[in-house]
Amino acid sequence: MKPVQFLSNSPKIDNIVKGFTLTRSLFVSSLLVGEPFTGKKTLIGMLFPNTIAIDASNREELLVALENNEEIIIYNFENLINFEELNFENRRIIAIANNIDNSKKIEKKFAFIYHMPSLQEREDLDVFIDYFQYQIQQELMFDYPIILDRKSLDLSSNIQSLKASIYKQLIYKTLSSEDIENILFEYLFQNIEGNNAYREHLYLFERPLIKAGLKKYKSQLKLSSILGLNRNTLRKKIQEHDLD
């Protein structure tokens, strides 16, 4: 159980762990439901490390496993057609699903149904951020402190998007001016064409410059002085780049 607690400080997750722990010696059917990339399969794998796991999308393989095993993990359960026809009697079934339909049939089939919270619902989000930031910094060989903008991290696809946005932030925050120049070179080399390329690509410099300045100084008057532009010119560019 220690690996589960390592990435969890959440009462909601603790309740799921307790539920599965209390019934691990019983022949009952349990279902864990939650959005993709919330750690459902990892959690179940840690609780039942020696249990055979079958993809519900492969019905024939599942039928064979049910015939020969008393304890089975079934993942992608939402892909299983006519699941009510399967015999779960005298077996310990642990099913994992991203979503469920036919809730009445589900309730008849499973003695226990648990709901995995999304990262947006988790009280221990900082545990995930700290853990993945450490892992990714080790991978990228960044051995110095880097402060993330945690409010802008992407949780839309839970762990998948969180890790991707941590990667991006860490890379963005460590780029040198030479790195940025090389990135722009590669992009422009692939995209400049026509007869108005200068004006068409000027936004690549102007937009982030003005956006960063507005966030940093929080005043158009102050920013116009910093940039050496008159207020009318700055206001026009803010509107032009849809930054107001």
C-alpha atoms as a PDB file:
ATOM      1  CA  MET A   1       0.000   0.000   0.000  1.00  0.00           C
ATOM      2  CA  LYS A   2       2.962   2.361   0.437  1.00  0.00           C
ATOM      3  CA  PRO A   3       3.381   3.086  -3.301  1.00  0.00           C
ATOM      4  CA  VAL A   4      -0.263   4.210  -3.447  1.00  0.00           C
ATOM      5  CA  GLN A   5       0.157   6.590  -0.518  1.00  0.00           C
ATOM      6  CA  PHE A   6       3.377   7.918  -2.048  1.00  0.00           C
ATOM      7  CA  LEU A   7       1.372   9.689  -4.738  1.00  0.00           C
ATOM      8  CA  SER A   8      -1.721  10.357  -2.679  1.00  0.00           C
ATOM      9  CA  ASN A   9      -2.688  12.555   0.207  1.00  0.00           C
ATOM     10  CA  SER A  10      -6.363  12.465  -0.682  1.00  0.00           C
ATOM     11  CA  PRO A  11      -9.175  11.204   1.589  1.00  0.00           C
ATOM     12  CA  LYS A  12     -11.092  10.242  -1.565  1.00  0.00           C
ATOM     13  CA  ILE A  13      -8.281   7.945  -2.681  1.00  0.00           C
ATOM     14  CA  ASP A  14      -7.858   6.617   0.865  1.00  0.00           C
ATOM     15  CA  ASN A  15     -11.520   5.570   0.866  1.00  0.00           C
ATOM     16  CA  ILE A  16     -11.070   3.713  -2.434  1.00  0.00           C
ATOM     17  CA  VAL A  17      -7.987   1.940  -1.083  1.00  0.00           C
ATOM     18  CA  LYS A  18      -9.808   0.993   2.133  1.00  0.00           C
ATOM     19  CA  GLY A  19     -12.766  -0.348   0.171  1.00  0.00           C
ATOM     20  CA  PHE A  20     -10.649  -2.602  -2.026  1.00  0.00           C
ATOM     21  CA  THR A  21      -8.533  -3.687   0.949  1.00  0.00           C
ATOM     22  CA  LEU A  22     -11.561  -4.739   3.003  1.00  0.00           C
ATOM     23  CA  THR A  23     -12.973  -6.853   0.160  1.00  0.00           C
ATOM     24  CA  ARG A  24      -9.724  -8.346  -1.171  1.00  0.00           C
ATOM     25  CA  SER A  25     -10.517 -11.692   0.503  1.00  0.00           C
ATOM     26  CA  LEU A  26     -14.124 -11.844  -0.742  1.00  0.00           C
ATOM     27  CA  PHE A  27     -15.477 -13.140  -4.031  1.00  0.00           C
ATOM     28  CA  VAL A  28     -17.227  -9.923  -5.058  1.00  0.00           C
ATOM     29  CA  SER A  29     -17.255  -7.720  -8.144  1.00  0.00           C
ATOM     30  CA  SER A  30     -15.968  -4.154  -7.810  1.00  0.00           C
ATOM     31  CA  LEU A  31     -15.804  -1.346 -10.373  1.00  0.00           C
ATOM     32  CA  LEU A  32     -13.530   1.699 -10.398  1.00  0.00           C
ATOM     33  CA  VAL A  33     -14.792   4.485 -12.674  1.00  0.00           C
ATOM     34  CA  GLY A  34     -13.059   7.736 -13.571  1.00  0.00           C
ATOM     35  CA  GLU A  35     -11.806   9.973 -16.354  1.00  0.00           C
ATOM     36  CA  PRO A  36      -8.876   8.774 -18.483  1.00  0.00           C
ATOM     37  CA  PHE A  37      -5.365   9.298 -17.074  1.00  0.00           C
ATOM     38  CA  THR A  38      -6.422   9.622 -13.429  1.00  0.00           C
ATOM     39  CA  GLY A  39      -4.247   6.709 -12.308  1.00  0.00           C
ATOM     40  CA  LYS A  40      -6.973   4.062 -12.050  1.00  0.00           C
ATOM     41  CA  LYS A  41      -4.970   1.238 -13.598  1.00  0.00           C
ATOM     42  CA  THR A  42      -1.844   2.158 -11.640  1.00  0.00           C
ATOM     43  CA  LEU A  43      -3.772   2.208  -8.368  1.00  0.00           C
ATOM     44  CA  ILE A  44      -5.386  -1.173  -8.995  1.00  0.00           C
ATOM     45  CA  GLY A  45      -2.077  -2.629 -10.157  1.00  0.00           C
ATOM     46  CA  MET A  46      -0.458  -1.578  -6.879  1.00  0.00           C
ATOM     47  CA  LEU A  47      -3.289  -3.049  -4.808  1.00  0.00           C
ATOM     48  CA  PHE A  48      -3.417  -6.306  -6.796  1.00  0.00           C
ATOM     49  CA  PRO A  49       0.144  -6.748  -8.135  1.00  0.00           C
ATOM     50  CA  ASN A  50      -0.155 -10.482  -8.841  1.00  0.00           C
ATOM     51  CA  THR A  51      -3.583 -10.468 -10.484  1.00  0.00           C
ATOM     52  CA  ILE A  52      -4.019 -11.129 -14.194  1.00  0.00           C
ATOM     53  CA  ALA A  53      -5.202  -8.036 -16.109  1.00  0.00           C
ATOM     54  CA  ILE A  54      -7.314  -8.389 -19.253  1.00  0.00           C
ATOM     55  CA  ASP A  55      -8.404  -5.770 -21.790  1.00  0.00           C
ATOM     56  CA  ALA A  56     -12.203  -5.895 -22.054  1.00  0.00           C
ATOM     57  CA  SER A  57     -11.861  -5.089 -25.758  1.00  0.00           C
ATOM     58  CA  ASN A  58     -10.626  -8.677 -26.264  1.00  0.00           C
ATOM     59  CA  ARG A  59     -13.751 -10.639 -25.386  1.00  0.00           C
ATOM     60  CA  GLU A  60     -12.354 -14.071 -26.278  1.00  0.00           C
ATOM     61  CA  GLU A  61      -9.299 -13.598 -24.087  1.00  0.00           C
ATOM     62  CA  LEU A  62     -11.546 -12.370 -21.291  1.00  0.00           C
ATOM     63  CA  LEU A  63     -13.794 -15.445 -21.508  1.00  0.00           C
ATOM     64  CA  VAL A  64     -10.772 -17.735 -21.246  1.00  0.00           C
ATOM     65  CA  ALA A  65      -9.456 -15.775 -18.263  1.00  0.00           C
ATOM     66  CA  LEU A  66     -12.826 -15.985 -16.502  1.00  0.00           C
ATOM     67  CA  GLU A  67     -12.853 -19.723 -17.039  1.00  0.00           C
ATOM     68  CA  ASN A  68      -9.393 -20.237 -15.542  1.00  0.00           C
ATOM     69  CA  ASN A  69      -8.992 -17.593 -12.821  1.00  0.00           C
ATOM     70  CA  GLU A  70     -10.752 -16.722  -9.586  1.00  0.00           C
ATOM     71  CA  GLU A  71      -9.375 -13.176  -9.513  1.00  0.00           C
ATOM     72  CA  ILE A  72      -9.217 -10.906 -12.580  1.00  0.00           C
ATOM     73  CA  ILE A  73      -8.653  -7.238 -13.349  1.00  0.00           C
ATOM     74  CA  ILE A  74     -10.681  -6.097 -16.364  1.00  0.00           C
ATOM     75  CA  TYR A  75      -9.691  -2.718 -17.809  1.00  0.00           C
ATOM     76  CA  ASN A  76     -11.428  -0.701 -20.548  1.00  0.00           C
ATOM     77  CA  PHE A  77     -14.635  -2.197 -19.178  1.00  0.00           C
ATOM     78  CA  GLU A  78     -16.711   0.395 -21.052  1.00  0.00           C
ATOM     79  CA  ASN A  79     -15.762  -1.412 -24.288  1.00  0.00           C
ATOM     80  CA  LEU A  80     -17.379  -4.652 -23.160  1.00  0.00           C
ATOM     81  CA  ILE A  81     -20.643  -5.400 -24.970  1.00  0.00           C
ATOM     82  CA  ASN A  82     -23.356  -7.367 -23.170  1.00  0.00           C
ATOM     83  CA  PHE A  83     -21.302  -7.558 -19.991  1.00  0.00           C
ATOM     84  CA  GLU A  84     -24.386  -8.717 -18.102  1.00  0.00           C
ATOM     85  CA  GLU A  85     -24.091 -12.084 -19.854  1.00  0.00           C
ATOM     86  CA  LEU A  86     -20.728 -12.836 -18.235  1.00  0.00           C
ATOM     87  CA  ASN A  87     -20.532 -15.070 -15.187  1.00  0.00           C
ATOM     88  CA  PHE A  88     -18.839 -13.319 -12.276  1.00  0.00           C
ATOM     89  CA  GLU A  89     -20.058 -15.811  -9.663  1.00  0.00           C
ATOM     90  CA  ASN A  90     -17.460 -17.155  -7.196  1.00  0.00           C
ATOM     91  CA  ARG A  91     -14.826 -14.811  -8.593  1.00  0.00           C
ATOM     92  CA  ARG A  92     -13.145 -11.625  -7.475  1.00  0.00           C
ATOM     93  CA  ILE A  93     -13.601  -9.166 -10.341  1.00  0.00           C
ATOM     94  CA  ILE A  94     -11.926  -5.771 -10.325  1.00  0.00           C
ATOM     95  CA  ALA A  95     -13.146  -3.743 -13.306  1.00  0.00           C
ATOM     96  CA  ILE A  96     -11.797  -0.388 -14.476  1.00  0.00           C
ATOM     97  CA  ALA A  97     -13.771   1.980 -16.725  1.00  0.00           C
ATOM     98  CA  ASN A  98     -13.420   5.525 -18.040  1.00  0.00           C
ATOM     99  CA  ASN A  99     -17.193   5.903 -18.055  1.00  0.00           C
ATOM    100  CA  ILE A 100     -20.315   3.808 -17.613  1.00  0.00           C
ATOM    101  CA  ASP A 101     -23.669   3.560 -19.345  1.00  0.00           C
ATOM    102  CA  ASN A 102     -26.611   1.380 -18.344  1.00  0.00           C
ATOM    103  CA  SER A 103     -26.116   2.301 -14.700  1.00  0.00           C
ATOM    104  CA  LYS A 104     -28.912  -0.025 -13.531  1.00  0.00           C
ATOM    105  CA  LYS A 105     -27.254  -3.018 -15.192  1.00  0.00           C
ATOM    106  CA  ILE A 106     -23.918  -1.935 -13.735  1.00  0.00           C
ATOM    107  CA  GLU A 107     -25.388  -1.730 -10.243  1.00  0.00           C
ATOM    108  CA  LYS A 108     -26.788  -5.251 -10.589  1.00  0.00           C
ATOM    109  CA  LYS A 109     -23.450  -6.626 -11.765  1.00  0.00           C
ATOM    110  CA  PHE A 110     -21.159  -4.975  -9.203  1.00  0.00           C
ATOM    111  CA  ALA A 111     -21.377  -5.098  -5.438  1.00  0.00           C
ATOM    112  CA  PHE A 112     -19.105  -2.067  -5.059  1.00  0.00           C
ATOM    113  CA  ILE A 113     -18.666   0.930  -7.363  1.00  0.00           C
ATOM    114  CA  TYR A 114     -15.917   3.464  -6.681  1.00  0.00           C
ATOM    115  CA  HIS A 115     -15.415   6.818  -8.404  1.00  0.00           C
ATOM    116  CA  MET A 116     -11.864   8.006  -9.075  1.00  0.00           C
ATOM    117  CA  PRO A 117     -11.682  11.814  -8.809  1.00  0.00           C
ATOM    118  CA  SER A 118     -10.141  13.842 -11.616  1.00  0.00           C
ATOM    119  CA  LEU A 119      -7.005  15.843 -10.842  1.00  0.00           C
ATOM    120  CA  GLN A 120      -9.140  18.979 -10.676  1.00  0.00           C
ATOM    121  CA  GLU A 121     -11.072  17.355  -7.822  1.00  0.00           C
ATOM    122  CA  ARG A 122      -8.016  16.135  -5.934  1.00  0.00           C
ATOM    123  CA  GLU A 123      -6.922  17.785  -2.703  1.00  0.00           C
ATOM    124  CA  ASP A 124      -3.377  16.525  -3.215  1.00  0.00           C
ATOM    125  CA  LEU A 125      -2.609  17.981  -6.640  1.00  0.00           C
ATOM    126  CA  ASP A 126       0.625  19.501  -5.332  1.00  0.00           C
ATOM    127  CA  VAL A 127       1.869  15.984  -4.543  1.00  0.00           C
ATOM    128  CA  PHE A 128       1.568  15.088  -8.242  1.00  0.00           C
ATOM    129  CA  ILE A 129       3.138  18.334  -9.416  1.00  0.00           C
ATOM    130  CA  ASP A 130       6.129  17.982  -7.082  1.00  0.00           C
ATOM    131  CA  TYR A 131       6.610  14.314  -7.989  1.00  0.00           C
ATOM    132  CA  PHE A 132       6.435  14.774 -11.757  1.00  0.00           C
ATOM    133  CA  GLN A 133       8.512  17.954 -11.699  1.00  0.00           C
ATOM    134  CA  TYR A 134      11.261  16.098  -9.834  1.00  0.00           C
ATOM    135  CA  GLN A 135      11.096  13.164 -12.272  1.00  0.00           C
ATOM    136  CA  ILE A 136      11.142  15.377 -15.354  1.00  0.00           C
ATOM    137  CA  GLN A 137      13.942  17.609 -14.063  1.00  0.00           C
ATOM    138  CA  GLN A 138      16.009  14.486 -13.431  1.00  0.00           C
ATOM    139  CA  GLU A 139      15.277  13.286 -16.960  1.00  0.00           C
ATOM    140  CA  LEU A 140      16.181  16.655 -18.484  1.00  0.00           C
ATOM    141  CA  MET A 141      19.213  16.974 -16.181  1.00  0.00           C
ATOM    142  CA  PHE A 142      18.068  20.284 -14.690  1.00  0.00           C
ATOM    143  CA  ASP A 143      19.746  20.143 -11.277  1.00  0.00           C
ATOM    144  CA  TYR A 144      18.695  23.595 -10.033  1.00  0.00           C
ATOM    145  CA  PRO A 145      15.414  24.951  -8.608  1.00  0.00           C
ATOM    146  CA  ILE A 146      12.775  25.989 -11.153  1.00  0.00           C
ATOM    147  CA  ILE A 147       9.531  27.622 -10.054  1.00  0.00           C
ATOM    148  CA  LEU A 148       6.491  26.535 -12.059  1.00  0.00           C
ATOM    149  CA  ASP A 149       3.418  28.637 -12.705  1.00  0.00           C
ATOM    150  CA  ARG A 150       1.113  26.062 -11.131  1.00  0.00           C
ATOM    151  CA  LYS A 151      -2.101  27.886 -11.965  1.00  0.00           C
ATOM    152  CA  SER A 152      -1.415  27.576 -15.691  1.00  0.00           C
ATOM    153  CA  LEU A 153      -0.681  23.830 -15.681  1.00  0.00           C
ATOM    154  CA  ASP A 154      -3.043  21.880 -17.919  1.00  0.00           C
ATOM    155  CA  LEU A 155      -5.330  19.427 -16.079  1.00  0.00           C
ATOM    156  CA  SER A 156      -7.780  18.862 -18.941  1.00  0.00           C
ATOM    157  CA  SER A 157      -6.497  15.319 -19.552  1.00  0.00           C
ATOM    158  CA  ASN A 158      -5.421  14.697 -15.971  1.00  0.00           C
ATOM    159  CA  ILE A 159      -1.954  13.119 -15.540  1.00  0.00           C
ATOM    160  CA  GLN A 160      -1.254  13.063 -19.284  1.00  0.00           C
ATOM    161  CA  SER A 161      -1.759  16.799 -19.817  1.00  0.00           C
ATOM    162  CA  LEU A 162      -0.236  17.673 -16.433  1.00  0.00           C
ATOM    163  CA  LYS A 163       3.041  15.947 -17.299  1.00  0.00           C
ATOM    164  CA  ALA A 164       3.079  17.486 -20.790  1.00  0.00           C
ATOM    165  CA  SER A 165       2.553  20.991 -19.420  1.00  0.00           C
ATOM    166  CA  ILE A 166       5.270  20.494 -16.784  1.00  0.00           C
ATOM    167  CA  TYR A 167       7.670  19.441 -19.558  1.00  0.00           C
ATOM    168  CA  LYS A 168       6.766  22.553 -21.546  1.00  0.00           C
ATOM    169  CA  GLN A 169       7.130  24.946 -18.628  1.00  0.00           C
ATOM    170  CA  LEU A 170      10.477  23.507 -17.581  1.00  0.00           C
ATOM    171  CA  ILE A 171      11.798  23.791 -21.121  1.00  0.00           C
ATOM    172  CA  TYR A 172      10.373  27.294 -21.654  1.00  0.00           C
ATOM    173  CA  LYS A 173      11.905  28.529 -18.399  1.00  0.00           C
ATOM    174  CA  THR A 174      15.377  27.268 -19.299  1.00  0.00           C
ATOM    175  CA  LEU A 175      15.620  28.488 -22.893  1.00  0.00           C
ATOM    176  CA  SER A 176      18.416  30.912 -23.680  1.00  0.00           C
ATOM    177  CA  SER A 177      18.051  33.739 -26.196  1.00  0.00           C
ATOM    178  CA  GLU A 178      20.119  31.623 -28.582  1.00  0.00           C
ATOM    179  CA  ASP A 179      17.706  28.698 -28.134  1.00  0.00           C
ATOM    180  CA  ILE A 180      14.750  30.954 -28.904  1.00  0.00           C
ATOM    181  CA  GLU A 181      16.511  32.353 -31.962  1.00  0.00           C
ATOM    182  CA  ASN A 182      17.206  28.833 -33.242  1.00  0.00           C
ATOM    183  CA  ILE A 183      13.577  27.796 -32.690  1.00  0.00           C
ATOM    184  CA  LEU A 184      12.366  30.839 -34.596  1.00  0.00           C
ATOM    185  CA  PHE A 185      14.869  30.143 -37.349  1.00  0.00           C
ATOM    186  CA  GLU A 186      13.560  26.593 -37.825  1.00  0.00           C
ATOM    187  CA  TYR A 187       9.939  27.765 -37.802  1.00  0.00           C
ATOM    188  CA  LEU A 188      10.523  30.665 -40.183  1.00  0.00           C
ATOM    189  CA  PHE A 189      12.672  28.586 -42.508  1.00  0.00           C
ATOM    190  CA  GLN A 190       9.715  26.250 -42.959  1.00  0.00           C
ATOM    191  CA  ASN A 191       7.041  28.941 -43.236  1.00  0.00           C
ATOM    192  CA  ILE A 192       8.233  32.183 -44.829  1.00  0.00           C
ATOM    193  CA  GLU A 193       6.858  32.630 -48.342  1.00  0.00           C
ATOM    194  CA  GLY A 194       4.711  34.969 -50.411  1.00  0.00           C
ATOM    195  CA  ASN A 195       5.377  38.693 -50.706  1.00  0.00           C
ATOM    196  CA  ASN A 196       4.451  39.982 -47.237  1.00  0.00           C
ATOM    197  CA  ALA A 197       6.298  37.570 -44.951  1.00  0.00           C
ATOM    198  CA  TYR A 198       7.814  40.250 -42.715  1.00  0.00           C
ATOM    199  CA  ARG A 199       4.474  41.711 -41.658  1.00  0.00           C
ATOM    200  CA  GLU A 200       2.807  38.285 -41.484  1.00  0.00           C
ATOM    201  CA  HIS A 201       5.365  36.981 -38.990  1.00  0.00           C
ATOM    202  CA  LEU A 202       6.063  40.123 -36.985  1.00  0.00           C
ATOM    203  CA  TYR A 203       3.467  38.970 -34.420  1.00  0.00           C
ATOM    204  CA  LEU A 204       5.878  36.213 -33.335  1.00  0.00           C
ATOM    205  CA  PHE A 205       7.944  38.930 -31.675  1.00  0.00           C
ATOM    206  CA  GLU A 206       5.407  41.667 -30.951  1.00  0.00           C
ATOM    207  CA  ARG A 207       2.627  39.600 -29.384  1.00  0.00           C
ATOM    208  CA  PRO A 208       4.669  37.814 -26.671  1.00  0.00           C
ATOM    209  CA  LEU A 209       6.623  41.014 -25.985  1.00  0.00           C
ATOM    210  CA  ILE A 210       3.472  43.048 -25.322  1.00  0.00           C
ATOM    211  CA  LYS A 211       1.695  40.179 -23.532  1.00  0.00           C
ATOM    212  CA  ALA A 212       4.649  39.681 -21.167  1.00  0.00           C
ATOM    213  CA  GLY A 213       4.949  43.425 -20.594  1.00  0.00           C
ATOM    214  CA  LEU A 214       1.273  43.790 -19.697  1.00  0.00           C
ATOM    215  CA  LYS A 215       1.495  40.893 -17.241  1.00  0.00           C
ATOM    216  CA  LYS A 216       4.694  42.216 -15.670  1.00  0.00           C
ATOM    217  CA  TYR A 217       3.899  45.927 -15.406  1.00  0.00           C
ATOM    218  CA  LYS A 218       0.070  45.833 -15.364  1.00  0.00           C
ATOM    219  CA  SER A 219      -0.081  49.311 -16.872  1.00  0.00           C
ATOM    220  CA  GLN A 220      -0.183  50.414 -20.497  1.00  0.00           C
ATOM    221  CA  LEU A 221       1.323  53.748 -19.491  1.00  0.00           C
ATOM    222  CA  LYS A 222       4.265  52.087 -17.747  1.00  0.00           C
ATOM    223  CA  LEU A 223       4.721  49.581 -20.571  1.00  0.00           C
ATOM    224  CA  SER A 224       4.694  52.256 -23.268  1.00  0.00           C
ATOM    225  CA  SER A 225       7.598  53.919 -21.448  1.00  0.00           C
ATOM    226  CA  ILE A 226       9.488  50.620 -21.070  1.00  0.00           C
ATOM    227  CA  LEU A 227       9.045  49.759 -24.765  1.00  0.00           C
ATOM    228  CA  GLY A 228       9.753  53.268 -26.004  1.00  0.00           C
ATOM    229  CA  LEU A 229       6.360  53.510 -27.740  1.00  0.00           C
ATOM    230  CA  ASN A 230       3.752  56.234 -27.414  1.00  0.00           C
ATOM    231  CA  ARG A 231       0.493  55.161 -25.737  1.00  0.00           C
ATOM    232  CA  ASN A 232      -1.595  55.345 -28.904  1.00  0.00           C
ATOM    233  CA  THR A 233       0.799  53.090 -30.810  1.00  0.00           C
ATOM    234  CA  LEU A 234       0.863  50.585 -27.939  1.00  0.00           C
ATOM    235  CA  ARG A 235      -2.935  50.634 -27.618  1.00  0.00           C
ATOM    236  CA  LYS A 236      -3.266  50.017 -31.346  1.00  0.00           C
ATOM    237  CA  LYS A 237      -0.890  47.049 -31.172  1.00  0.00           C
ATOM    238  CA  ILE A 238      -2.719  45.631 -28.138  1.00  0.00           C
ATOM    239  CA  GLN A 239      -5.966  45.688 -30.124  1.00  0.00           C
ATOM    240  CA  GLU A 240      -4.246  44.364 -33.236  1.00  0.00           C
ATOM    241  CA  HIS A 241      -2.937  41.338 -31.315  1.00  0.00           C
ATOM    242  CA  ASP A 242      -6.214  40.846 -29.412  1.00  0.00           C
ATOM    243  CA  LEU A 243      -4.584  41.399 -26.023  1.00  0.00           C
ATOM    244  CA  ASP A 244      -7.088  43.802 -24.463  1.00  0.00           C
END
